[in-house]
PDB file of N, CA and C in Angstrom:
ATOM      1  N   MET A   1       0.831  -1.222   0.023  1.00  0.00           N
ATOM      2  CA  MET A   1       0.070   0.070   0.012  1.00  0.00           C
ATOM      3  C   MET A   1       0.911   1.230   0.007  1.00  0.00           C
ATOM      4  N   SER A   2       1.954   1.197   0.657  1.00  0.00           N
ATOM      5  CA  SER A   2       2.817   2.413   0.731  1.00  0.00           C
ATOM      6  C   SER A   2       3.509   2.589  -0.682  1.00  0.00           C
ATOM      7  N   VAL A   3       3.593   1.716  -1.424  1.00  0.00           N
ATOM      8  CA  VAL A   3       4.069   1.898  -2.823  1.00  0.00           C
ATOM      9  C   VAL A   3       3.186   2.580  -3.600  1.00  0.00           C
ATOM     10  N   LEU A   4       1.872   2.589  -3.392  1.00  0.00           N
ATOM     11  CA  LEU A   4       0.980   3.353  -4.006  1.00  0.00           C
ATOM     12  C   LEU A   4       1.181   4.859  -3.695  1.00  0.00           C
ATOM     13  N   PHE A   5       1.366   5.132  -2.628  1.00  0.00           N
ATOM     14  CA  PHE A   5       1.632   6.482  -2.216  1.00  0.00           C
ATOM     15  C   PHE A   5       2.899   7.182  -2.926  1.00  0.00           C
ATOM     16  N   VAL A   6       3.921   6.317  -3.038  1.00  0.00           N
ATOM     17  CA  VAL A   6       5.089   6.792  -3.601  1.00  0.00           C
ATOM     18  C   VAL A   6       5.033   6.868  -5.214  1.00  0.00           C
ATOM     19  N   LEU A   7       4.244   5.979  -5.773  1.00  0.00           N
ATOM     20  CA  LEU A   7       3.971   6.101  -7.127  1.00  0.00           C
ATOM     21  C   LEU A   7       2.934   7.364  -7.477  1.00  0.00           C
ATOM     22  N   ILE A   8       2.151   7.686  -6.603  1.00  0.00           N
ATOM     23  CA  ILE A   8       1.291   8.797  -6.736  1.00  0.00           C
ATOM     24  C   ILE A   8       1.982  10.202  -6.587  1.00  0.00           C
ATOM     25  N   GLY A   9       2.944  10.022  -5.620  1.00  0.00           N
ATOM     26  CA  GLY A   9       3.735  11.313  -5.545  1.00  0.00           C
ATOM     27  C   GLY A   9       4.674  11.446  -6.639  1.00  0.00           C
ATOM     28  N   ALA A  10       5.263  10.564  -7.107  1.00  0.00           N
ATOM     29  CA  ALA A  10       6.066  10.538  -8.174  1.00  0.00           C
ATOM     30  C   ALA A  10       5.386  10.903  -9.453  1.00  0.00           C
ATOM     31  N   SER A  11       4.291  10.592  -9.723  1.00  0.00           N
ATOM     32  CA  SER A  11       3.468  10.902 -10.876  1.00  0.00           C
ATOM     33  C   SER A  11       3.024  12.461 -10.704  1.00  0.00           C
ATOM     34  N   VAL A  12       2.610  12.990  -9.433  1.00  0.00           N
ATOM     35  CA  VAL A  12       2.366  14.295  -9.326  1.00  0.00           C
ATOM     36  C   VAL A  12       3.514  15.313  -9.638  1.00  0.00           C
ATOM     37  N   ILE A  13       4.769  14.770  -9.085  1.00  0.00           N
ATOM     38  CA  ILE A  13       5.956  15.594  -9.363  1.00  0.00           C
ATOM     39  C   ILE A  13       6.145  15.843 -10.874  1.00  0.00           C
ATOM     40  N   THR A  14       5.995  14.593 -11.514  1.00  0.00           N
ATOM     41  CA  THR A  14       6.372  14.518 -13.141  1.00  0.00           C
ATOM     42  C   THR A  14       5.334  15.370 -13.784  1.00  0.00           C
ATOM     43  N   ALA A  15       4.079  15.217 -13.383  1.00  0.00           N
ATOM     44  CA  ALA A  15       3.035  16.165 -14.030  1.00  0.00           C
ATOM     45  C   ALA A  15       3.392  17.584 -13.892  1.00  0.00           C
ATOM     46  N   LEU A  16       3.666  18.029 -12.677  1.00  0.00           N
ATOM     47  CA  LEU A  16       4.098  19.419 -12.295  1.00  0.00           C
ATOM     48  C   LEU A  16       5.363  19.791 -13.253  1.00  0.00           C
ATOM     49  N   GLY A  17       6.303  18.942 -13.344  1.00  0.00           N
ATOM     50  CA  GLY A  17       7.370  19.178 -14.217  1.00  0.00           C
ATOM     51  C   GLY A  17       7.007  19.406 -15.558  1.00  0.00           C
ATOM     52  N   PHE A  18       6.239  18.670 -16.174  1.00  0.00           N
ATOM     53  CA  PHE A  18       5.766  18.887 -17.522  1.00  0.00           C
ATOM     54  C   PHE A  18       4.792  20.146 -17.677  1.00  0.00           C
ATOM     55  N   LEU A  19       4.002  20.571 -16.662  1.00  0.00           N
ATOM     56  CA  LEU A  19       3.314  21.827 -16.635  1.00  0.00           C
ATOM     57  C   LEU A  19       4.170  22.955 -16.583  1.00  0.00           C
ATOM     58  N   ILE A  20       5.106  22.960 -15.748  1.00  0.00           N
ATOM     59  CA  ILE A  20       6.081  24.087 -15.674  1.00  0.00           C
ATOM     60  C   ILE A  20       6.711  24.317 -17.028  1.00  0.00           C
ATOM     61  N   ALA A  21       7.236  23.174 -17.710  1.00  0.00           N
ATOM     62  CA  ALA A  21       7.890  23.205 -18.974  1.00  0.00           C
ATOM     63  C   ALA A  21       7.030  23.628 -20.063  1.00  0.00           C
ATOM     64  N   PHE A  22       5.821  23.295 -20.000  1.00  0.00           N
ATOM     65  CA  PHE A  22       4.822  23.901 -20.897  1.00  0.00           C
ATOM     66  C   PHE A  22       4.591  25.362 -20.866  1.00  0.00           C
ATOM     67  N   ILE A  23       4.422  25.811 -19.597  1.00  0.00           N
ATOM     68  CA  ILE A  23       4.144  27.257 -19.323  1.00  0.00           C
ATOM     69  C   ILE A  23       5.312  28.055 -19.870  1.00  0.00           C
ATOM     70  N   TRP A  24       6.523  27.563 -19.430  1.00  0.00           N
ATOM     71  CA  TRP A  24       7.906  28.178 -19.810  1.00  0.00           C
ATOM     72  C   TRP A  24       7.957  28.393 -21.362  1.00  0.00           C
ATOM     73  N   SER A  25       7.563  27.342 -21.959  1.00  0.00           N
ATOM     74  CA  SER A  25       7.522  27.335 -23.535  1.00  0.00           C
ATOM     75  C   SER A  25       6.735  28.262 -24.132  1.00  0.00           C
ATOM     76  N   VAL A  26       5.358  28.401 -23.555  1.00  0.00           N
ATOM     77  CA  VAL A  26       4.527  29.219 -24.144  1.00  0.00           C
ATOM     78  C   VAL A  26       4.982  30.741 -23.725  1.00  0.00           C
ATOM     79  N   LYS A  27       5.475  30.933 -22.690  1.00  0.00           N
ATOM     80  CA  LYS A  27       5.902  32.500 -22.323  1.00  0.00           C
ATOM     81  C   LYS A  27       7.013  32.842 -23.282  1.00  0.00           C
ATOM     82  N   ASN A  28       7.779  31.807 -23.783  1.00  0.00           N
ATOM     83  CA  ASN A  28       9.025  32.047 -24.651  1.00  0.00           C
ATOM     84  C   ASN A  28       8.703  32.146 -25.953  1.00  0.00           C
ATOM     85  N   GLY A  29       7.355  31.911 -26.227  1.00  0.00           N
ATOM     86  CA  GLY A  29       7.031  32.122 -27.666  1.00  0.00           C
ATOM     87  C   GLY A  29       7.294  30.908 -28.516  1.00  0.00           C
ATOM     88  N   GLN A  30       7.244  29.689 -27.953  1.00  0.00           N
ATOM     89  CA  GLN A  30       7.381  28.395 -28.727  1.00  0.00           C
ATOM     90  C   GLN A  30       6.160  28.098 -29.634  1.00  0.00           C
ATOM     91  N   PHE A  31       5.052  28.506 -29.285  1.00  0.00           N
ATOM     92  CA  PHE A  31       3.729  28.352 -29.951  1.00  0.00           C
ATOM     93  C   PHE A  31       3.179  29.373 -30.681  1.00  0.00           C
ATOM     94  N   ASP A  32       4.022  30.571 -31.034  1.00  0.00           N
ATOM     95  CA  ASP A  32       3.478  31.827 -31.708  1.00  0.00           C
ATOM     96  C   ASP A  32       2.950  31.334 -32.973  1.00  0.00           C
ATOM     97  N   ASP A  33       3.645  30.780 -33.993  1.00  0.00           N
ATOM     98  CA  ASP A  33       3.180  30.601 -35.213  1.00  0.00           C
ATOM     99  C   ASP A  33       3.023  29.156 -35.481  1.00  0.00           C
ATOM    100  N   ASP A  34       1.566  28.890 -35.549  1.00  0.00           N
ATOM    101  CA  ASP A  34       1.350  27.576 -35.784  1.00  0.00           C
ATOM    102  C   ASP A  34       0.653  27.445 -37.084  1.00  0.00           C
ATOM    103  N   TYR A  35       0.710  28.414 -38.017  1.00  0.00           N
ATOM    104  CA  TYR A  35       0.115  28.191 -39.358  1.00  0.00           C
ATOM    105  C   TYR A  35       1.145  27.982 -40.415  1.00  0.00           C
ATOM    106  N   THR A  36       2.340  28.724 -40.460  1.00  0.00           N
ATOM    107  CA  THR A  36       3.310  28.753 -41.406  1.00  0.00           C
ATOM    108  C   THR A  36       3.958  27.312 -41.581  1.00  0.00           C
ATOM    109  N   PRO A  37       4.426  26.590 -40.442  1.00  0.00           N
ATOM    110  CA  PRO A  37       4.864  25.245 -40.583  1.00  0.00           C
ATOM    111  C   PRO A  37       3.997  24.208 -41.394  1.00  0.00           C
ATOM    112  N   SER A  38       2.803  24.573 -41.319  1.00  0.00           N
ATOM    113  CA  SER A  38       1.909  23.443 -42.015  1.00  0.00           C
ATOM    114  C   SER A  38       1.823  23.673 -43.445  1.00  0.00           C
ATOM    115  N   VAL A  39       2.069  25.067 -43.916  1.00  0.00           N
ATOM    116  CA  VAL A  39       1.899  25.187 -45.362  1.00  0.00           C
ATOM    117  C   VAL A  39       3.358  25.520 -46.069  1.00  0.00           C
ATOM    118  N   ARG A  40       4.307  25.440 -45.307  1.00  0.00           N
ATOM    119  CA  ARG A  40       5.736  25.812 -45.708  1.00  0.00           C
ATOM    120  C   ARG A  40       6.031  24.962 -47.009  1.00  0.00           C
ATOM    121  N   MET A  41       5.612  23.752 -47.086  1.00  0.00           N
ATOM    122  CA  MET A  41       5.980  22.804 -48.008  1.00  0.00           C
ATOM    123  C   MET A  41       5.242  23.240 -49.290  1.00  0.00           C
ATOM    124  N   LEU A  42       4.221  24.104 -49.261  1.00  0.00           N
ATOM    125  CA  LEU A  42       3.519  24.277 -50.473  1.00  0.00           C
ATOM    126  C   LEU A  42       4.134  25.483 -51.059  1.00  0.00           C
ATOM    127  N   PHE A  43       4.904  26.361 -50.611  1.00  0.00           N
ATOM    128  CA  PHE A  43       5.559  27.420 -50.970  1.00  0.00           C
ATOM    129  C   PHE A  43       6.694  26.995 -52.115  1.00  0.00           C
ATOM    130  N   ASP A  44       6.900  27.763 -53.176  1.00  0.00           N
ATOM    131  CA  ASP A  44       8.007  27.354 -54.014  1.00  0.00           C
ATOM    132  C   ASP A  44       9.341  27.929 -53.538  1.00  0.00           C
ATOM    133  N   ASP A  45      10.261  27.145 -53.657  1.00  0.00           N
ATOM    134  CA  ASP A  45      11.669  27.693 -53.444  1.00  0.00           C
ATOM    135  C   ASP A  45      12.175  28.678 -54.348  1.00  0.00           C
ATOM    136  N   GLU A  46      12.921  29.762 -53.934  1.00  0.00           N
ATOM    137  CA  GLU A  46      13.413  30.693 -54.781  1.00  0.00           C
ATOM    138  C   GLU A  46      14.450  29.994 -55.621  1.00  0.00           C
ATOM    139  N   VAL A  47      14.612  30.336 -56.939  1.00  0.00           N
ATOM    140  CA  VAL A  47      15.545  29.858 -57.718  1.00  0.00           C
ATOM    141  C   VAL A  47      16.793  30.564 -57.676  1.00  0.00           C
ATOM    142  N   VAL A  48      17.872  30.027 -57.404  1.00  0.00           N
ATOM    143  CA  VAL A  48      19.329  30.780 -57.305  1.00  0.00           C
ATOM    144  C   VAL A  48      19.910  30.548 -58.570  1.00  0.00           C
ATOM    145  N   LYS A  49      20.439  31.754 -59.076  1.00  0.00           N
ATOM    146  CA  LYS A  49      20.960  31.928 -60.425  1.00  0.00           C
ATOM    147  C   LYS A  49      22.531  32.057 -60.205  1.00  0.00           C
ATOM    148  N   LYS A  50      23.222  31.086 -60.897  1.00  0.00           N
ATOM    149  CA  LYS A  50      24.617  31.140 -60.669  1.00  0.00           C
ATOM    150  C   LYS A  50      25.286  32.170 -61.724  1.00  0.00           C
ATOM    151  N   LYS A  51      26.271  32.800 -61.127  1.00  0.00           N
ATOM    152  CA  LYS A  51      26.978  33.814 -62.072  1.00  0.00           C
ATOM    153  C   LYS A  51      28.093  32.970 -62.776  1.00  0.00           C
ATOM    154  N   LYS A  52      28.201  33.357 -63.977  1.00  0.00           N
ATOM    155  CA  LYS A  52      29.202  32.770 -64.805  1.00  0.00           C
ATOM    156  C   LYS A  52      30.367  33.736 -65.132  1.00  0.00           C
TER     157      LYS A  52
END
């Protein structure tokens, strides 16, 4: 039964760690642009002309 309390405590600490990491990443702008990466593959690449 005591193992159950240890596992619950470990899972709560792990969940809090992930929550802190998520809040930190949102505040640092990791999720600001969610549209461009999904359509980036549809844009044409610029043609680079070589000088002769």
